PDB file of N, CA and C in Angstrom:
ATOM      1  N   MET A   1     -23.233 -60.778  19.360  1.00  0.00           N
ATOM      2  CA  MET A   1     -24.539 -61.981  18.388  1.00  0.00           C
ATOM      3  C   MET A   1     -25.528 -61.710  19.236  1.00  0.00           C
ATOM      4  N   GLY A   2     -25.722 -61.247  20.121  1.00  0.00           N
ATOM      5  CA  GLY A   2     -26.931 -61.280  20.566  1.00  0.00           C
ATOM      6  C   GLY A   2     -27.663 -60.181  20.143  1.00  0.00           C
ATOM      7  N   ILE A   3     -27.303 -58.799  19.709  1.00  0.00           N
ATOM      8  CA  ILE A   3     -27.762 -57.799  19.329  1.00  0.00           C
ATOM      9  C   ILE A   3     -28.416 -57.660  17.935  1.00  0.00           C
ATOM     10  N   VAL A   4     -27.250 -58.882  16.574  1.00  0.00           N
ATOM     11  CA  VAL A   4     -27.418 -58.997  15.715  1.00  0.00           C
ATOM     12  C   VAL A   4     -28.940 -60.309  15.787  1.00  0.00           C
ATOM     13  N   SER A   5     -29.061 -61.393  16.363  1.00  0.00           N
ATOM     14  CA  SER A   5     -30.069 -62.070  16.459  1.00  0.00           C
ATOM     15  C   SER A   5     -31.500 -61.553  16.971  1.00  0.00           C
ATOM     16  N   ALA A   6     -31.098 -60.294  18.125  1.00  0.00           N
ATOM     17  CA  ALA A   6     -32.579 -59.800  18.263  1.00  0.00           C
ATOM     18  C   ALA A   6     -33.184 -59.046  17.192  1.00  0.00           C
ATOM     19  N   ILE A   7     -32.195 -58.428  16.313  1.00  0.00           N
ATOM     20  CA  ILE A   7     -32.805 -57.273  15.343  1.00  0.00           C
ATOM     21  C   ILE A   7     -33.240 -58.343  14.415  1.00  0.00           C
ATOM     22  N   ILE A   8     -32.775 -59.756  14.235  1.00  0.00           N
ATOM     23  CA  ILE A   8     -33.285 -60.460  13.031  1.00  0.00           C
ATOM     24  C   ILE A   8     -34.746 -60.904  13.628  1.00  0.00           C
ATOM     25  N   ALA A   9     -34.930 -61.373  15.005  1.00  0.00           N
ATOM     26  CA  ALA A   9     -36.285 -61.833  15.775  1.00  0.00           C
ATOM     27  C   ALA A   9     -37.301 -60.967  15.329  1.00  0.00           C
ATOM     28  N   LEU A  10     -36.769 -59.394  15.781  1.00  0.00           N
ATOM     29  CA  LEU A  10     -37.746 -58.359  15.326  1.00  0.00           C
ATOM     30  C   LEU A  10     -38.155 -58.112  14.209  1.00  0.00           C
ATOM     31  N   LEU A  11     -37.091 -58.213  13.246  1.00  0.00           N
ATOM     32  CA  LEU A  11     -37.924 -58.229  11.763  1.00  0.00           C
ATOM     33  C   LEU A  11     -38.574 -58.930  11.326  1.00  0.00           C
ATOM     34  N   ARG A  12     -38.579 -60.683  11.651  1.00  0.00           N
ATOM     35  CA  ARG A  12     -39.252 -61.763  11.451  1.00  0.00           C
ATOM     36  C   ARG A  12     -40.747 -61.466  12.242  1.00  0.00           C
ATOM     37  N   ALA A  13     -40.724 -60.886  13.182  1.00  0.00           N
ATOM     38  CA  ALA A  13     -41.744 -60.996  14.101  1.00  0.00           C
ATOM     39  C   ALA A  13     -42.571 -59.620  13.443  1.00  0.00           C
ATOM     40  N   VAL A  14     -42.014 -58.733  12.493  1.00  0.00           N
ATOM     41  CA  VAL A  14     -43.126 -57.779  12.219  1.00  0.00           C
ATOM     42  C   VAL A  14     -42.680 -57.692  10.344  1.00  0.00           C
ATOM     43  N   PRO A  15     -43.462 -58.608   9.533  1.00  0.00           N
ATOM     44  CA  PRO A  15     -43.378 -58.842   8.080  1.00  0.00           C
ATOM     45  C   PRO A  15     -42.971 -57.539   7.570  1.00  0.00           C
ATOM     46  N   SER A  16     -43.353 -56.400   8.065  1.00  0.00           N
ATOM     47  CA  SER A  16     -43.411 -55.544   6.758  1.00  0.00           C
ATOM     48  C   SER A  16     -41.898 -54.487   7.350  1.00  0.00           C
ATOM     49  N   LEU A  17     -41.489 -54.824   8.400  1.00  0.00           N
ATOM     50  CA  LEU A  17     -39.548 -54.217   8.569  1.00  0.00           C
ATOM     51  C   LEU A  17     -39.159 -55.278   7.732  1.00  0.00           C
ATOM     52  N   GLU A  18     -39.337 -56.663   8.184  1.00  0.00           N
ATOM     53  CA  GLU A  18     -38.518 -57.343   7.516  1.00  0.00           C
ATOM     54  C   GLU A  18     -38.547 -57.179   5.544  1.00  0.00           C
ATOM     55  N   ARG A  19     -39.652 -56.703   5.050  1.00  0.00           N
ATOM     56  CA  ARG A  19     -39.777 -56.770   3.517  1.00  0.00           C
ATOM     57  C   ARG A  19     -39.094 -55.402   3.474  1.00  0.00           C
ATOM     58  N   LEU A  20     -39.027 -54.578   4.174  1.00  0.00           N
ATOM     59  CA  LEU A  20     -38.043 -53.221   4.197  1.00  0.00           C
ATOM     60  C   LEU A  20     -36.629 -52.947   4.078  1.00  0.00           C
ATOM     61  N   PHE A  21     -36.329 -54.182   5.168  1.00  0.00           N
ATOM     62  CA  PHE A  21     -35.053 -54.456   5.029  1.00  0.00           C
ATOM     63  C   PHE A  21     -34.423 -55.381   4.029  1.00  0.00           C
ATOM     64  N   LEU A  22     -35.183 -55.959   3.485  1.00  0.00           N
ATOM     65  CA  LEU A  22     -34.530 -57.026   2.465  1.00  0.00           C
ATOM     66  C   LEU A  22     -34.596 -55.872   1.269  1.00  0.00           C
ATOM     67  N   LYS A  23     -35.816 -55.178   1.023  1.00  0.00           N
ATOM     68  CA  LYS A  23     -35.472 -53.862  -0.147  1.00  0.00           C
ATOM     69  C   LYS A  23     -34.501 -53.355  -0.149  1.00  0.00           C
ATOM     70  N   ILE A  24     -33.941 -53.235   1.225  1.00  0.00           N
ATOM     71  CA  ILE A  24     -32.899 -51.988   1.491  1.00  0.00           C
ATOM     72  C   ILE A  24     -31.439 -52.739   1.058  1.00  0.00           C
ATOM     73  N   SER A  25     -31.441 -54.215   1.617  1.00  0.00           N
ATOM     74  CA  SER A  25     -30.210 -54.872   1.127  1.00  0.00           C
ATOM     75  C   SER A  25     -29.890 -55.285   0.474  1.00  0.00           C
ATOM     76  N   ASP A  26     -31.586 -55.424  -0.900  1.00  0.00           N
ATOM     77  CA  ASP A  26     -31.126 -55.707  -2.072  1.00  0.00           C
ATOM     78  C   ASP A  26     -30.654 -54.121  -3.360  1.00  0.00           C
ATOM     79  N   GLY A  27     -30.942 -53.154  -2.489  1.00  0.00           N
ATOM     80  CA  GLY A  27     -30.954 -51.852  -3.229  1.00  0.00           C
ATOM     81  C   GLY A  27     -29.287 -52.119  -3.136  1.00  0.00           C
ATOM     82  N   VAL A  28     -28.812 -52.206  -1.857  1.00  0.00           N
ATOM     83  CA  VAL A  28     -27.472 -52.195  -1.768  1.00  0.00           C
ATOM     84  C   VAL A  28     -26.420 -52.813  -2.602  1.00  0.00           C
ATOM     85  N   LYS A  29     -26.939 -54.496  -2.470  1.00  0.00           N
ATOM     86  CA  LYS A  29     -26.318 -55.241  -3.589  1.00  0.00           C
ATOM     87  C   LYS A  29     -26.440 -54.747  -4.959  1.00  0.00           C
ATOM     88  N   GLU A  30     -27.528 -54.163  -5.444  1.00  0.00           N
ATOM     89  CA  GLU A  30     -27.577 -53.863  -6.856  1.00  0.00           C
ATOM     90  C   GLU A  30     -26.645 -52.575  -7.274  1.00  0.00           C
ATOM     91  N   ALA A  31     -26.673 -51.660  -6.285  1.00  0.00           N
ATOM     92  CA  ALA A  31     -25.615 -50.560  -6.392  1.00  0.00           C
ATOM     93  C   ALA A  31     -24.122 -51.032  -6.194  1.00  0.00           C
ATOM     94  N   ARG A  32     -23.858 -52.268  -5.209  1.00  0.00           N
ATOM     95  CA  ARG A  32     -22.570 -52.680  -5.399  1.00  0.00           C
ATOM     96  C   ARG A  32     -22.044 -53.183  -6.883  1.00  0.00           C
ATOM     97  N   ALA A  33     -23.197 -54.042  -7.370  1.00  0.00           N
ATOM     98  CA  ALA A  33     -22.939 -54.712  -8.742  1.00  0.00           C
ATOM     99  C   ALA A  33     -22.821 -53.727  -9.505  1.00  0.00           C
ATOM    100  N   LYS A  34     -23.524 -52.776 -10.009  1.00  0.00           N
ATOM    101  CA  LYS A  34     -23.770 -51.567 -10.707  1.00  0.00           C
ATOM    102  C   LYS A  34     -22.407 -50.872 -10.963  1.00  0.00           C
ATOM    103  N   GLU A  35     -22.250 -50.899  -9.749  1.00  0.00           N
ATOM    104  CA  GLU A  35     -20.587 -49.987  -9.495  1.00  0.00           C
ATOM    105  C   GLU A  35     -18.900 -50.824 -10.275  1.00  0.00           C
ATOM    106  N   ARG A  36     -19.444 -52.085  -9.990  1.00  0.00           N
ATOM    107  CA  ARG A  36     -18.263 -53.043 -10.274  1.00  0.00           C
ATOM    108  C   ARG A  36     -18.526 -53.259 -11.899  1.00  0.00           C
ATOM    109  N   PHE A  37     -19.685 -53.485 -12.622  1.00  0.00           N
ATOM    110  CA  PHE A  37     -19.972 -53.119 -13.593  1.00  0.00           C
ATOM    111  C   PHE A  37     -19.610 -52.291 -14.484  1.00  0.00           C
ATOM    112  N   ASN A  38     -19.664 -51.036 -13.967  1.00  0.00           N
ATOM    113  CA  ASN A  38     -19.227 -49.716 -14.700  1.00  0.00           C
ATOM    114  C   ASN A  38     -17.731 -49.704 -14.856  1.00  0.00           C
ATOM    115  N   ALA A  39     -16.921 -50.088 -13.292  1.00  0.00           N
ATOM    116  CA  ALA A  39     -15.830 -50.402 -13.173  1.00  0.00           C
ATOM    117  C   ALA A  39     -15.089 -51.102 -14.383  1.00  0.00           C
ATOM    118  N   LYS A  40     -15.788 -52.619 -14.607  1.00  0.00           N
ATOM    119  CA  LYS A  40     -15.192 -53.218 -15.692  1.00  0.00           C
ATOM    120  C   LYS A  40     -15.089 -52.241 -17.129  1.00  0.00           C
ATOM    121  N   LEU A  41     -16.415 -51.861 -17.233  1.00  0.00           N
ATOM    122  CA  LEU A  41     -16.889 -51.039 -18.694  1.00  0.00           C
ATOM    123  C   LEU A  41     -15.776 -50.170 -18.578  1.00  0.00           C
ATOM    124  N   ASN A  42     -15.553 -49.110 -17.641  1.00  0.00           N
ATOM    125  CA  ASN A  42     -14.540 -48.296 -17.793  1.00  0.00           C
ATOM    126  C   ASN A  42     -12.985 -49.078 -17.922  1.00  0.00           C
ATOM    127  N   HIS A  43     -12.572 -50.221 -17.779  1.00  0.00           N
ATOM    128  CA  HIS A  43     -11.245 -50.824 -18.009  1.00  0.00           C
ATOM    129  C   HIS A  43     -10.927 -51.207 -19.436  1.00  0.00           C
ATOM    130  N   ILE A  44     -12.588 -51.583 -19.708  1.00  0.00           N
ATOM    131  CA  ILE A  44     -12.333 -51.980 -20.937  1.00  0.00           C
ATOM    132  C   ILE A  44     -12.184 -50.979 -21.937  1.00  0.00           C
ATOM    133  N   ASP A  45     -13.034 -49.629 -21.866  1.00  0.00           N
ATOM    134  CA  ASP A  45     -13.037 -48.622 -22.837  1.00  0.00           C
ATOM    135  C   ASP A  45     -11.652 -47.901 -22.414  1.00  0.00           C
ATOM    136  N   ALA A  46     -10.974 -48.374 -21.432  1.00  0.00           N
ATOM    137  CA  ALA A  46      -9.162 -47.426 -21.446  1.00  0.00           C
ATOM    138  C   ALA A  46      -8.458 -48.472 -21.919  1.00  0.00           C
ATOM    139  N   ALA A  47      -8.842 -49.863 -22.135  1.00  0.00           N
ATOM    140  CA  ALA A  47      -7.877 -50.896 -23.011  1.00  0.00           C
ATOM    141  C   ALA A  47      -8.130 -50.389 -24.390  1.00  0.00           C
ATOM    142  N   ILE A  48      -9.393 -50.280 -24.969  1.00  0.00           N
ATOM    143  CA  ILE A  48      -9.315 -49.565 -26.400  1.00  0.00           C
ATOM    144  C   ILE A  48      -8.538 -48.630 -26.629  1.00  0.00           C
ATOM    145  N   ALA A  49      -8.914 -47.626 -25.536  1.00  0.00           N
ATOM    146  CA  ALA A  49      -8.451 -46.262 -25.996  1.00  0.00           C
ATOM    147  C   ALA A  49      -6.821 -46.436 -26.200  1.00  0.00           C
ATOM    148  N   ALA A  50      -6.425 -46.983 -25.255  1.00  0.00           N
ATOM    149  CA  ALA A  50      -4.762 -47.201 -25.438  1.00  0.00           C
ATOM    150  C   ALA A  50      -4.471 -48.177 -26.273  1.00  0.00           C
ATOM    151  N   ALA A  51      -5.011 -49.065 -27.070  1.00  0.00           N
ATOM    152  CA  ALA A  51      -4.897 -49.550 -28.297  1.00  0.00           C
ATOM    153  C   ALA A  51      -4.853 -48.348 -28.874  1.00  0.00           C
ATOM    154  N   ARG A  52      -5.654 -47.866 -29.353  1.00  0.00           N
ATOM    155  CA  ARG A  52      -5.748 -46.826 -30.355  1.00  0.00           C
ATOM    156  C   ARG A  52      -4.984 -45.676 -30.326  1.00  0.00           C
ATOM    157  N   ASP A  53      -4.470 -45.260 -29.214  1.00  0.00           N
ATOM    158  CA  ASP A  53      -3.222 -44.358 -29.103  1.00  0.00           C
ATOM    159  C   ASP A  53      -1.928 -44.585 -29.345  1.00  0.00           C
ATOM    160  N   GLY A  54      -1.947 -46.097 -28.354  1.00  0.00           N
ATOM    161  CA  GLY A  54      -0.311 -46.680 -28.562  1.00  0.00           C
ATOM    162  C   GLY A  54       0.134 -47.255 -29.797  1.00  0.00           C
ATOM    163  N   GLY A  55      -0.903 -47.040 -30.709  1.00  0.00           N
ATOM    164  CA  GLY A  55      -0.648 -47.433 -32.177  1.00  0.00           C
ATOM    165  C   GLY A  55      -0.635 -49.255 -32.336  1.00  0.00           C
ATOM    166  N   GLY A  56      -1.327 -49.639 -31.473  1.00  0.00           N
ATOM    167  CA  GLY A  56      -1.422 -51.589 -31.120  1.00  0.00           C
ATOM    168  C   GLY A  56      -2.394 -51.789 -32.494  1.00  0.00           C
ATOM    169  N   VAL A  57      -3.814 -51.508 -32.038  1.00  0.00           N
ATOM    170  CA  VAL A  57      -4.509 -51.977 -33.381  1.00  0.00           C
ATOM    171  C   VAL A  57      -4.818 -50.728 -34.468  1.00  0.00           C
ATOM    172  N   TRP A  58      -4.635 -49.736 -33.944  1.00  0.00           N
ATOM    173  CA  TRP A  58      -4.945 -48.310 -34.660  1.00  0.00           C
ATOM    174  C   TRP A  58      -3.755 -47.999 -35.402  1.00  0.00           C
ATOM    175  N   ASP A  59      -3.774 -47.376 -36.516  1.00  0.00           N
ATOM    176  CA  ASP A  59      -2.717 -46.799 -37.469  1.00  0.00           C
ATOM    177  C   ASP A  59      -3.088 -45.308 -37.379  1.00  0.00           C
ATOM    178  N   GLY A  60      -3.594 -44.866 -36.508  1.00  0.00           N
ATOM    179  CA  GLY A  60      -3.831 -43.207 -36.595  1.00  0.00           C
ATOM    180  C   GLY A  60      -4.065 -42.437 -37.900  1.00  0.00           C
ATOM    181  N   GLN A  61      -4.501 -42.980 -39.150  1.00  0.00           N
ATOM    182  CA  GLN A  61      -4.957 -42.755 -40.746  1.00  0.00           C
ATOM    183  C   GLN A  61      -6.112 -42.516 -40.193  1.00  0.00           C
ATOM    184  N   GLY A  62      -6.696 -43.474 -39.643  1.00  0.00           N
ATOM    185  CA  GLY A  62      -8.497 -43.320 -39.916  1.00  0.00           C
ATOM    186  C   GLY A  62      -8.770 -44.143 -40.689  1.00  0.00           C
ATOM    187  N   THR A  63     -10.055 -44.278 -41.171  1.00  0.00           N
ATOM    188  CA  THR A  63     -10.396 -45.426 -42.116  1.00  0.00           C
ATOM    189  C   THR A  63     -11.138 -44.352 -42.883  1.00  0.00           C
ATOM    190  N   GLN A  64     -11.200 -44.957 -44.173  1.00  0.00           N
ATOM    191  CA  GLN A  64     -11.559 -44.071 -45.507  1.00  0.00           C
ATOM    192  C   GLN A  64     -12.663 -45.206 -46.202  1.00  0.00           C
ATOM    193  N   TRP A  65     -13.539 -44.320 -46.920  1.00  0.00           N
ATOM    194  CA  TRP A  65     -14.332 -45.236 -47.734  1.00  0.00           C
ATOM    195  C   TRP A  65     -13.328 -45.915 -49.020  1.00  0.00           C
ATOM    196  N   SER A  66     -13.640 -46.816 -49.521  1.00  0.00           N
ATOM    197  CA  SER A  66     -13.027 -47.621 -51.153  1.00  0.00           C
ATOM    198  C   SER A  66     -14.015 -48.102 -51.313  1.00  0.00           C
ATOM    199  N   GLU A  67     -14.639 -47.320 -52.863  1.00  0.00           N
ATOM    200  CA  GLU A  67     -15.665 -47.566 -53.540  1.00  0.00           C
ATOM    201  C   GLU A  67     -15.083 -48.665 -54.813  1.00  0.00           C
ATOM    202  N   GLY A  68     -13.896 -49.001 -54.915  1.00  0.00           N
ATOM    203  CA  GLY A  68     -13.419 -50.045 -55.730  1.00  0.00           C
ATOM    204  C   GLY A  68     -13.678 -51.600 -55.579  1.00  0.00           C
ATOM    205  N   VAL A  69     -13.690 -52.073 -54.375  1.00  0.00           N
ATOM    206  CA  VAL A  69     -14.106 -53.211 -53.825  1.00  0.00           C
ATOM    207  C   VAL A  69     -15.623 -53.272 -54.125  1.00  0.00           C
ATOM    208  N   ASP A  70     -16.093 -52.204 -52.999  1.00  0.00           N
ATOM    209  CA  ASP A  70     -17.795 -52.719 -53.070  1.00  0.00           C
ATOM    210  C   ASP A  70     -18.565 -52.288 -54.142  1.00  0.00           C
ATOM    211  N   ARG A  71     -18.091 -51.786 -55.123  1.00  0.00           N
ATOM    212  CA  ARG A  71     -19.066 -51.176 -56.023  1.00  0.00           C
ATOM    213  C   ARG A  71     -19.292 -52.439 -57.367  1.00  0.00           C
ATOM    214  N   THR A  72     -20.160 -52.872 -57.994  1.00  0.00           N
ATOM    215  CA  THR A  72     -20.137 -53.774 -58.970  1.00  0.00           C
ATOM    216  C   THR A  72     -19.569 -53.016 -60.080  1.00  0.00           C
ATOM    217  N   PRO A  73     -19.305 -54.308 -60.856  1.00  0.00           N
ATOM    218  CA  PRO A  73     -18.305 -53.449 -62.328  1.00  0.00           C
ATOM    219  C   PRO A  73     -19.499 -52.933 -63.121  1.00  0.00           C
ATOM    220  N   PRO A  74     -19.325 -51.535 -64.009  1.00  0.00           N
ATOM    221  CA  PRO A  74     -20.444 -51.222 -64.482  1.00  0.00           C
ATOM    222  C   PRO A  74     -20.835 -51.982 -66.262  1.00  0.00           C
ATOM    223  N   ILE A  75     -21.765 -51.900 -66.510  1.00  0.00           N
ATOM    224  CA  ILE A  75     -22.243 -52.908 -67.786  1.00  0.00           C
ATOM    225  C   ILE A  75     -21.757 -51.798 -68.956  1.00  0.00           C
ATOM    226  N   PRO A  76     -21.105 -52.284 -70.082  1.00  0.00           N
ATOM    227  CA  PRO A  76     -20.988 -51.539 -71.150  1.00  0.00           C
ATOM    228  C   PRO A  76     -22.186 -51.224 -71.934  1.00  0.00           C
ATOM    229  N   GLU A  77     -22.490 -49.705 -72.335  1.00  0.00           N
ATOM    230  CA  GLU A  77     -23.574 -49.038 -72.602  1.00  0.00           C
ATOM    231  C   GLU A  77     -23.740 -50.450 -74.053  1.00  0.00           C
ATOM    232  N   GLY A  78     -23.323 -50.560 -74.862  1.00  0.00           N
ATOM    233  CA  GLY A  78     -23.395 -51.256 -76.169  1.00  0.00           C
ATOM    234  C   GLY A  78     -23.797 -52.593 -75.865  1.00  0.00           C
ATOM    235  N   SER A  79     -23.209 -53.425 -74.750  1.00  0.00           N
ATOM    236  CA  SER A  79     -23.636 -54.642 -74.743  1.00  0.00           C
ATOM    237  C   SER A  79     -25.016 -54.975 -74.644  1.00  0.00           C
ATOM    238  N   THR A  80     -25.804 -56.097 -74.826  1.00  0.00           N
ATOM    239  CA  THR A  80     -26.820 -56.722 -74.052  1.00  0.00           C
ATOM    240  C   THR A  80     -26.779 -57.883 -73.886  1.00  0.00           C
ATOM    241  N   LEU A  81     -27.331 -57.958 -72.594  1.00  0.00           N
ATOM    242  CA  LEU A  81     -26.877 -59.416 -71.901  1.00  0.00           C
ATOM    243  C   LEU A  81     -28.495 -59.874 -71.817  1.00  0.00           C
ATOM    244  N   ARG A  82     -28.335 -61.589 -72.417  1.00  0.00           N
ATOM    245  CA  ARG A  82     -29.225 -62.384 -72.308  1.00  0.00           C
ATOM    246  C   ARG A  82     -28.623 -63.589 -71.763  1.00  0.00           C
ATOM    247  N   THR A  83     -30.060 -64.385 -70.922  1.00  0.00           N
ATOM    248  CA  THR A  83     -29.491 -65.449 -70.792  1.00  0.00           C
ATOM    249  C   THR A  83     -30.250 -66.643 -71.057  1.00  0.00           C
ATOM    250  N   SER A  84     -29.735 -67.470 -71.651  1.00  0.00           N
ATOM    251  CA  SER A  84     -29.878 -68.621 -72.256  1.00  0.00           C
ATOM    252  C   SER A  84     -29.743 -70.161 -71.486  1.00  0.00           C
ATOM    253  N   VAL A  85     -30.399 -71.145 -72.137  1.00  0.00           N
ATOM    254  CA  VAL A  85     -30.520 -72.264 -71.830  1.00  0.00           C
ATOM    255  C   VAL A  85     -29.568 -73.170 -72.445  1.00  0.00           C
ATOM    256  N   ASP A  86     -28.679 -74.517 -71.894  1.00  0.00           N
ATOM    257  CA  ASP A  86     -28.118 -75.281 -72.489  1.00  0.00           C
ATOM    258  C   ASP A  86     -28.772 -76.077 -73.129  1.00  0.00           C
ATOM    259  N   GLU A  87     -28.722 -76.015 -74.655  1.00  0.00           N
ATOM    260  CA  GLU A  87     -29.309 -76.910 -75.518  1.00  0.00           C
ATOM    261  C   GLU A  87     -29.120 -78.721 -75.719  1.00  0.00           C
ATOM    262  N   GLY A  88     -27.888 -78.506 -74.757  1.00  0.00           N
ATOM    263  CA  GLY A  88     -27.314 -80.291 -74.940  1.00  0.00           C
ATOM    264  C   GLY A  88     -28.586 -80.944 -74.430  1.00  0.00           C
ATOM    265  N   SER A  89     -28.392 -82.359 -74.824  1.00  0.00           N
ATOM    266  CA  SER A  89     -29.272 -83.436 -74.660  1.00  0.00           C
ATOM    267  C   SER A  89     -29.037 -84.418 -73.865  1.00  0.00           C
ATOM    268  N   ILE A  90     -29.729 -85.103 -73.288  1.00  0.00           N
ATOM    269  CA  ILE A  90     -29.101 -86.106 -72.274  1.00  0.00           C
ATOM    270  C   ILE A  90     -28.298 -87.209 -73.086  1.00  0.00           C
ATOM    271  N   GLU A  91     -28.361 -87.494 -74.172  1.00  0.00           N
ATOM    272  CA  GLU A  91     -27.668 -88.409 -75.002  1.00  0.00           C
ATOM    273  C   GLU A  91     -26.479 -88.035 -75.296  1.00  0.00           C
ATOM    274  N   GLU A  92     -26.096 -86.923 -75.389  1.00  0.00           N
ATOM    275  CA  GLU A  92     -24.503 -86.045 -75.622  1.00  0.00           C
ATOM    276  C   GLU A  92     -24.068 -86.523 -74.469  1.00  0.00           C
ATOM    277  N   SER A  93     -24.529 -86.060 -73.359  1.00  0.00           N
ATOM    278  CA  SER A  93     -24.434 -86.045 -71.927  1.00  0.00           C
ATOM    279  C   SER A  93     -23.848 -87.928 -71.599  1.00  0.00           C
ATOM    280  N   SER A  94     -24.381 -88.756 -71.909  1.00  0.00           N
ATOM    281  CA  SER A  94     -24.391 -90.136 -71.940  1.00  0.00           C
ATOM    282  C   SER A  94     -23.159 -90.453 -72.691  1.00  0.00           C
ATOM    283  N   ARG A  95     -22.898 -89.739 -73.669  1.00  0.00           N
ATOM    284  CA  ARG A  95     -21.673 -90.271 -74.637  1.00  0.00           C
ATOM    285  C   ARG A  95     -20.508 -89.879 -74.143  1.00  0.00           C
ATOM    286  N   THR A  96     -20.682 -88.777 -73.038  1.00  0.00           N
ATOM    287  CA  THR A  96     -19.424 -88.320 -72.933  1.00  0.00           C
ATOM    288  C   THR A  96     -18.934 -89.021 -71.331  1.00  0.00           C
ATOM    289  N   GLY A  97     -19.532 -89.350 -71.066  1.00  0.00           N
ATOM    290  CA  GLY A  97     -19.355 -90.133 -69.265  1.00  0.00           C
ATOM    291  C   GLY A  97     -19.858 -89.373 -68.304  1.00  0.00           C
ATOM    292  N   VAL A  98     -20.654 -88.590 -68.676  1.00  0.00           N
ATOM    293  CA  VAL A  98     -20.796 -87.373 -67.691  1.00  0.00           C
ATOM    294  C   VAL A  98     -22.203 -87.927 -67.354  1.00  0.00           C
TER     295      VAL A  98
END
């Protein structure tokens, strides 16, 4: 333990060495964190691939575009669409109880 405390005392005595040491240790921590993150992403990708290939969620048929549901219904050529305003009055609605 005496060697470690001597190194720490030397690093604190020379601030530039301390900053260099801290940058190196931060770089090592970031590299390890990135490695763990990539391992997790690879695990997720493998699980998705297994679900697709194993028939879990994926049926192997692929996806197809269906225009039947997404398309608006065609308007017949001979029809004329017009908006209208309800001509009812307040008196009529009061008689019906509405």
